[in-house]
Amino acid sequence: MGQSGSSMQLTRAADYAVRVMIHLATLPPQERTLLPALAHATGTPESFLSKILQALCRAGFVASRRGQSGGFEIQAAGREASIRAVIEAIDGPICLNICLVSGASCNRKSFCPAHPIWAKAQEAMLGVLNTATVAEMAVQMAVSRKKGSASQSEPSGQRETRKGGDRPARKRASQEGRAPAFQSGGSEWLDIVAP
């Protein structure tokens, strides 16, 4: 009885899917990111992330492209998706109790004092998850990042930002004897130059 895990919590896959969608929505439109960078930015194991991305692609929230300019990008439907839609793309319909499953019958439903409580709790939870969108959460993430980076001070002249894809920036940094560090925000790389 004293277990810390609860059956009334998101699956790890659904949690990672929400993280991925929010991260992708913080990127500029039509910008793609590679699986390793996405795994790093969201704290998701790459092997697990592949399965999550497949489900998000099937739902029409994310598109993938192979090749040198490939990667994953969020679709318009993904930006507009509710958090409920993202969770259900991974786990299927959200239901607190079997008596609330559409079409399922429970012989206790008519007299069970808990049934209206489960129904009310599910309605409240789904209401919250329906109103929170990926785009809104991405805006909140961007604001949090700006506040966080504004509070960190760096000596001027030590930072150079380059856009234009992970591999070319890495190659340029390597050729110039600098160490690239991934900056979450897509395909930007920060080349840290020691003074």
C-alpha atoms as a PDB file:
ATOM      1  CA  MET A   1       0.000   0.000   0.000  1.00  0.00           C
ATOM      2  CA  GLY A   2       2.843   2.415   0.689  1.00  0.00           C
ATOM      3  CA  GLN A   3       4.204   2.322  -2.859  1.00  0.00           C
ATOM      4  CA  SER A   4       5.435   5.583  -4.332  1.00  0.00           C
ATOM      5  CA  GLY A   5       4.299   4.807  -7.887  1.00  0.00           C
ATOM      6  CA  SER A   6       0.706   5.603  -8.752  1.00  0.00           C
ATOM      7  CA  SER A   7      -1.355   4.203 -11.583  1.00  0.00           C
ATOM      8  CA  MET A   8      -2.897   7.661 -11.995  1.00  0.00           C
ATOM      9  CA  GLN A   9       0.087   9.273 -13.607  1.00  0.00           C
ATOM     10  CA  LEU A  10       1.310   9.866 -17.124  1.00  0.00           C
ATOM     11  CA  THR A  11       3.352   7.189 -18.770  1.00  0.00           C
ATOM     12  CA  ARG A  12       6.989   8.035 -19.309  1.00  0.00           C
ATOM     13  CA  ALA A  13       6.349   7.937 -23.076  1.00  0.00           C
ATOM     14  CA  ALA A  14       3.574  10.546 -22.822  1.00  0.00           C
ATOM     15  CA  ASP A  15       5.736  12.796 -20.648  1.00  0.00           C
ATOM     16  CA  TYR A  16       8.595  12.590 -23.167  1.00  0.00           C
ATOM     17  CA  ALA A  17       6.175  13.248 -26.043  1.00  0.00           C
ATOM     18  CA  VAL A  18       4.976  16.460 -24.391  1.00  0.00           C
ATOM     19  CA  ARG A  19       8.599  17.543 -23.840  1.00  0.00           C
ATOM     20  CA  VAL A  20       9.457  16.823 -27.479  1.00  0.00           C
ATOM     21  CA  MET A  21       6.458  18.719 -28.816  1.00  0.00           C
ATOM     22  CA  ILE A  22       7.189  21.767 -26.668  1.00  0.00           C
ATOM     23  CA  HIS A  23      10.850  21.756 -27.693  1.00  0.00           C
ATOM     24  CA  LEU A  24      10.031  21.420 -31.400  1.00  0.00           C
ATOM     25  CA  ALA A  25       7.493  24.240 -31.104  1.00  0.00           C
ATOM     26  CA  THR A  26      10.199  26.563 -29.736  1.00  0.00           C
ATOM     27  CA  LEU A  27      12.135  26.189 -32.992  1.00  0.00           C
ATOM     28  CA  PRO A  28      11.487  28.517 -35.921  1.00  0.00           C
ATOM     29  CA  PRO A  29       8.935  27.222 -38.451  1.00  0.00           C
ATOM     30  CA  GLN A  30      10.304  24.623 -40.878  1.00  0.00           C
ATOM     31  CA  GLU A  31      13.471  24.113 -38.852  1.00  0.00           C
ATOM     32  CA  ARG A  32      14.424  20.485 -38.384  1.00  0.00           C
ATOM     33  CA  THR A  33      16.468  18.914 -35.631  1.00  0.00           C
ATOM     34  CA  LEU A  34      18.287  15.609 -35.509  1.00  0.00           C
ATOM     35  CA  LEU A  35      17.382  12.769 -33.162  1.00  0.00           C
ATOM     36  CA  PRO A  36      20.514  13.042 -30.976  1.00  0.00           C
ATOM     37  CA  ALA A  37      20.017  16.784 -30.469  1.00  0.00           C
ATOM     38  CA  LEU A  38      16.338  16.288 -29.705  1.00  0.00           C
ATOM     39  CA  ALA A  39      17.132  13.517 -27.223  1.00  0.00           C
ATOM     40  CA  HIS A  40      19.694  15.726 -25.502  1.00  0.00           C
ATOM     41  CA  ALA A  41      17.412  18.771 -25.362  1.00  0.00           C
ATOM     42  CA  THR A  42      14.508  16.811 -23.874  1.00  0.00           C
ATOM     43  CA  GLY A  43      16.390  14.355 -21.672  1.00  0.00           C
ATOM     44  CA  THR A  44      14.922  11.400 -23.551  1.00  0.00           C
ATOM     45  CA  PRO A  45      16.842   8.202 -24.381  1.00  0.00           C
ATOM     46  CA  GLU A  46      17.354   8.034 -28.171  1.00  0.00           C
ATOM     47  CA  SER A  47      16.064   4.465 -28.513  1.00  0.00           C
ATOM     48  CA  PHE A  48      12.842   5.375 -26.687  1.00  0.00           C
ATOM     49  CA  LEU A  49      12.526   8.683 -28.538  1.00  0.00           C
ATOM     50  CA  SER A  50      12.412   6.930 -31.922  1.00  0.00           C
ATOM     51  CA  LYS A  51       9.200   5.123 -30.949  1.00  0.00           C
ATOM     52  CA  ILE A  52       7.652   8.298 -29.569  1.00  0.00           C
ATOM     53  CA  LEU A  53       8.469  10.228 -32.745  1.00  0.00           C
ATOM     54  CA  GLN A  54       6.894   7.495 -34.874  1.00  0.00           C
ATOM     55  CA  ALA A  55       3.624   7.895 -32.964  1.00  0.00           C
ATOM     56  CA  LEU A  56       3.787  11.701 -33.225  1.00  0.00           C
ATOM     57  CA  CYS A  57       4.410  11.399 -36.985  1.00  0.00           C
ATOM     58  CA  ARG A  58       1.422   9.035 -37.351  1.00  0.00           C
ATOM     59  CA  ALA A  59      -0.730  11.594 -35.497  1.00  0.00           C
ATOM     60  CA  GLY A  60       0.346  14.276 -37.994  1.00  0.00           C
ATOM     61  CA  PHE A  61       2.031  16.405 -35.315  1.00  0.00           C
ATOM     62  CA  VAL A  62       5.621  15.890 -36.473  1.00  0.00           C
ATOM     63  CA  ALA A  63       7.218  15.274 -39.871  1.00  0.00           C
ATOM     64  CA  SER A  64      10.475  13.486 -40.473  1.00  0.00           C
ATOM     65  CA  ARG A  65      12.834  13.787 -43.389  1.00  0.00           C
ATOM     66  CA  ARG A  66      15.793  11.602 -44.230  1.00  0.00           C
ATOM     67  CA  GLY A  67      19.064  12.681 -45.702  1.00  0.00           C
ATOM     68  CA  GLN A  68      21.633  15.372 -45.143  1.00  0.00           C
ATOM     69  CA  SER A  69      19.069  18.111 -44.563  1.00  0.00           C
ATOM     70  CA  GLY A  70      16.796  15.729 -42.682  1.00  0.00           C
ATOM     71  CA  GLY A  71      15.509  15.618 -39.160  1.00  0.00           C
ATOM     72  CA  PHE A  72      12.258  16.190 -37.323  1.00  0.00           C
ATOM     73  CA  GLU A  73      10.050  19.249 -37.487  1.00  0.00           C
ATOM     74  CA  ILE A  74       6.756  20.156 -35.928  1.00  0.00           C
ATOM     75  CA  GLN A  75       3.736  20.520 -38.184  1.00  0.00           C
ATOM     76  CA  ALA A  76       1.037  23.192 -37.882  1.00  0.00           C
ATOM     77  CA  ALA A  77      -1.303  20.582 -36.365  1.00  0.00           C
ATOM     78  CA  GLY A  78       1.373  19.840 -33.763  1.00  0.00           C
ATOM     79  CA  ARG A  79       1.758  23.481 -32.751  1.00  0.00           C
ATOM     80  CA  GLU A  80      -2.011  23.810 -32.370  1.00  0.00           C
ATOM     81  CA  ALA A  81      -2.467  20.458 -30.596  1.00  0.00           C
ATOM     82  CA  SER A  82      -3.719  20.313 -27.050  1.00  0.00           C
ATOM     83  CA  ILE A  83      -1.649  18.507 -24.460  1.00  0.00           C
ATOM     84  CA  ARG A  84      -4.485  15.974 -24.285  1.00  0.00           C
ATOM     85  CA  ALA A  85      -4.109  15.255 -28.004  1.00  0.00           C
ATOM     86  CA  VAL A  86      -0.354  14.696 -27.581  1.00  0.00           C
ATOM     87  CA  ILE A  87      -0.871  12.327 -24.646  1.00  0.00           C
ATOM     88  CA  GLU A  88      -3.600  10.424 -26.472  1.00  0.00           C
ATOM     89  CA  ALA A  89      -1.401  10.101 -29.575  1.00  0.00           C
ATOM     90  CA  ILE A  90       0.965   8.085 -27.391  1.00  0.00           C
ATOM     91  CA  ASP A  91      -1.252   6.343 -24.831  1.00  0.00           C
ATOM     92  CA  GLY A  92      -4.716   6.329 -26.382  1.00  0.00           C
ATOM     93  CA  PRO A  93      -7.795   7.784 -24.681  1.00  0.00           C
ATOM     94  CA  ILE A  94      -7.303   9.060 -21.139  1.00  0.00           C
ATOM     95  CA  CYS A  95      -9.592   7.408 -18.661  1.00  0.00           C
ATOM     96  CA  LEU A  96      -9.369   7.466 -14.867  1.00  0.00           C
ATOM     97  CA  ASN A  97     -11.493   4.361 -14.363  1.00  0.00           C
ATOM     98  CA  ILE A  98     -12.955   1.564 -16.461  1.00  0.00           C
ATOM     99  CA  CYS A  99     -16.480   2.763 -15.660  1.00  0.00           C
ATOM    100  CA  LEU A 100     -15.761   5.925 -17.668  1.00  0.00           C
ATOM    101  CA  VAL A 101     -14.678   4.177 -20.870  1.00  0.00           C
ATOM    102  CA  SER A 102     -17.142   4.871 -23.632  1.00  0.00           C
ATOM    103  CA  GLY A 103     -19.163   1.741 -24.384  1.00  0.00           C
ATOM    104  CA  ALA A 104     -17.880  -0.126 -21.334  1.00  0.00           C
ATOM    105  CA  SER A 105     -20.441  -1.243 -18.852  1.00  0.00           C
ATOM    106  CA  CYS A 106     -20.063  -1.408 -15.127  1.00  0.00           C
ATOM    107  CA  ASN A 107     -22.829  -3.157 -13.225  1.00  0.00           C
ATOM    108  CA  ARG A 108     -22.202  -0.835 -10.242  1.00  0.00           C
ATOM    109  CA  LYS A 109     -22.488   2.441 -12.200  1.00  0.00           C
ATOM    110  CA  SER A 110     -26.125   3.144 -11.227  1.00  0.00           C
ATOM    111  CA  PHE A 111     -25.574   2.883  -7.467  1.00  0.00           C
ATOM    112  CA  CYS A 112     -21.818   3.421  -7.003  1.00  0.00           C
ATOM    113  CA  PRO A 113     -21.093   6.574  -4.985  1.00  0.00           C
ATOM    114  CA  ALA A 114     -17.573   6.769  -6.496  1.00  0.00           C
ATOM    115  CA  HIS A 115     -18.736   6.911 -10.125  1.00  0.00           C
ATOM    116  CA  PRO A 116     -19.786  10.592 -10.079  1.00  0.00           C
ATOM    117  CA  ILE A 117     -16.491  11.476  -8.384  1.00  0.00           C
ATOM    118  CA  TRP A 118     -14.475   9.680 -11.094  1.00  0.00           C
ATOM    119  CA  ALA A 119     -16.571  11.357 -13.782  1.00  0.00           C
ATOM    120  CA  LYS A 120     -16.114  14.814 -12.241  1.00  0.00           C
ATOM    121  CA  ALA A 121     -12.351  14.309 -11.759  1.00  0.00           C
ATOM    122  CA  GLN A 122     -11.904  13.113 -15.339  1.00  0.00           C
ATOM    123  CA  GLU A 123     -13.926  16.024 -16.698  1.00  0.00           C
ATOM    124  CA  ALA A 124     -11.768  18.511 -14.773  1.00  0.00           C
ATOM    125  CA  MET A 125      -8.513  16.874 -15.862  1.00  0.00           C
ATOM    126  CA  LEU A 126      -9.529  16.662 -19.512  1.00  0.00           C
ATOM    127  CA  GLY A 127     -10.686  20.275 -19.388  1.00  0.00           C
ATOM    128  CA  VAL A 128      -7.233  21.405 -18.273  1.00  0.00           C
ATOM    129  CA  LEU A 129      -5.429  19.199 -20.804  1.00  0.00           C
ATOM    130  CA  ASN A 130      -7.738  20.386 -23.610  1.00  0.00           C
ATOM    131  CA  THR A 131      -7.097  24.066 -22.954  1.00  0.00           C
ATOM    132  CA  ALA A 132      -3.288  23.843 -22.749  1.00  0.00           C
ATOM    133  CA  THR A 133      -1.740  23.867 -26.221  1.00  0.00           C
ATOM    134  CA  VAL A 134       1.737  23.023 -27.400  1.00  0.00           C
ATOM    135  CA  ALA A 135       2.152  26.547 -28.835  1.00  0.00           C
ATOM    136  CA  GLU A 136       1.245  28.208 -25.519  1.00  0.00           C
ATOM    137  CA  MET A 137       3.645  26.006 -23.612  1.00  0.00           C
ATOM    138  CA  ALA A 138       6.402  26.735 -26.133  1.00  0.00           C
ATOM    139  CA  VAL A 139       5.923  30.461 -25.535  1.00  0.00           C
ATOM    140  CA  GLN A 140       6.199  29.852 -21.787  1.00  0.00           C
ATOM    141  CA  MET A 141       9.395  27.841 -22.394  1.00  0.00           C
ATOM    142  CA  ALA A 142      10.916  30.626 -24.505  1.00  0.00           C
ATOM    143  CA  VAL A 143      10.129  33.210 -21.829  1.00  0.00           C
ATOM    144  CA  SER A 144      11.680  30.978 -19.154  1.00  0.00           C
ATOM    145  CA  ARG A 145      14.814  30.527 -21.267  1.00  0.00           C
ATOM    146  CA  LYS A 146      15.155  34.274 -21.817  1.00  0.00           C
ATOM    147  CA  LYS A 147      14.825  34.938 -18.105  1.00  0.00           C
ATOM    148  CA  GLY A 148      17.383  32.230 -17.372  1.00  0.00           C
ATOM    149  CA  SER A 149      19.907  33.452 -19.940  1.00  0.00           C
ATOM    150  CA  ALA A 150      19.461  37.087 -18.903  1.00  0.00           C
ATOM    151  CA  SER A 151      20.423  36.190 -15.356  1.00  0.00           C
ATOM    152  CA  GLN A 152      23.646  34.513 -16.495  1.00  0.00           C
ATOM    153  CA  SER A 153      26.395  36.939 -17.351  1.00  0.00           C
ATOM    154  CA  GLU A 154      29.236  36.188 -19.753  1.00  0.00           C
ATOM    155  CA  PRO A 155      32.304  38.168 -20.588  1.00  0.00           C
ATOM    156  CA  SER A 156      31.717  39.868 -23.925  1.00  0.00           C
ATOM    157  CA  GLY A 157      33.542  38.492 -26.920  1.00  0.00           C
ATOM    158  CA  GLN A 158      33.517  34.916 -25.631  1.00  0.00           C
ATOM    159  CA  ARG A 159      30.387  33.803 -27.433  1.00  0.00           C
ATOM    160  CA  GLU A 160      29.636  33.435 -31.092  1.00  0.00           C
ATOM    161  CA  THR A 161      26.383  31.984 -32.378  1.00  0.00           C
ATOM    162  CA  ARG A 162      26.112  30.316 -35.731  1.00  0.00           C
ATOM    163  CA  LYS A 163      23.011  29.117 -37.466  1.00  0.00           C
ATOM    164  CA  GLY A 164      22.680  26.817 -40.382  1.00  0.00           C
ATOM    165  CA  GLY A 165      22.750  23.187 -39.325  1.00  0.00           C
ATOM    166  CA  ASP A 166      24.539  21.058 -36.821  1.00  0.00           C
ATOM    167  CA  ARG A 167      27.178  19.391 -38.951  1.00  0.00           C
ATOM    168  CA  PRO A 168      28.603  22.432 -40.765  1.00  0.00           C
ATOM    169  CA  ALA A 169      28.884  24.348 -37.472  1.00  0.00           C
ATOM    170  CA  ARG A 170      30.596  21.400 -35.837  1.00  0.00           C
ATOM    171  CA  LYS A 171      32.978  21.037 -38.771  1.00  0.00           C
ATOM    172  CA  ARG A 172      33.776  24.783 -38.829  1.00  0.00           C
ATOM    173  CA  ALA A 173      34.367  24.802 -35.085  1.00  0.00           C
ATOM    174  CA  SER A 174      36.620  21.758 -35.338  1.00  0.00           C
ATOM    175  CA  GLN A 175      38.626  23.281 -38.211  1.00  0.00           C
ATOM    176  CA  GLU A 176      39.032  26.512 -36.271  1.00  0.00           C
ATOM    177  CA  GLY A 177      40.160  24.673 -33.125  1.00  0.00           C
ATOM    178  CA  ARG A 178      37.076  25.526 -31.086  1.00  0.00           C
ATOM    179  CA  ALA A 179      34.788  23.280 -29.067  1.00  0.00           C
ATOM    180  CA  PRO A 180      31.143  23.476 -30.135  1.00  0.00           C
ATOM    181  CA  ALA A 181      28.462  23.237 -27.451  1.00  0.00           C
ATOM    182  CA  PHE A 182      24.849  22.552 -28.394  1.00  0.00           C
ATOM    183  CA  GLN A 183      22.441  25.316 -27.489  1.00  0.00           C
ATOM    184  CA  SER A 184      18.907  24.078 -27.128  1.00  0.00           C
ATOM    185  CA  GLY A 185      16.928  26.007 -29.627  1.00  0.00           C
ATOM    186  CA  GLY A 186      17.512  23.979 -32.723  1.00  0.00           C
ATOM    187  CA  SER A 187      20.493  23.881 -34.957  1.00  0.00           C
ATOM    188  CA  GLU A 188      22.416  26.673 -33.312  1.00  0.00           C
ATOM    189  CA  TRP A 189      25.856  25.912 -32.003  1.00  0.00           C
ATOM    190  CA  LEU A 190      27.813  28.062 -29.645  1.00  0.00           C
ATOM    191  CA  ASP A 191      31.508  28.177 -30.286  1.00  0.00           C
ATOM    192  CA  ILE A 192      33.204  28.880 -26.999  1.00  0.00           C
ATOM    193  CA  VAL A 193      36.523  30.588 -27.525  1.00  0.00           C
ATOM    194  CA  ALA A 194      38.888  30.628 -24.624  1.00  0.00           C
ATOM    195  CA  PRO A 195      40.486  34.051 -24.087  1.00  0.00           C
END
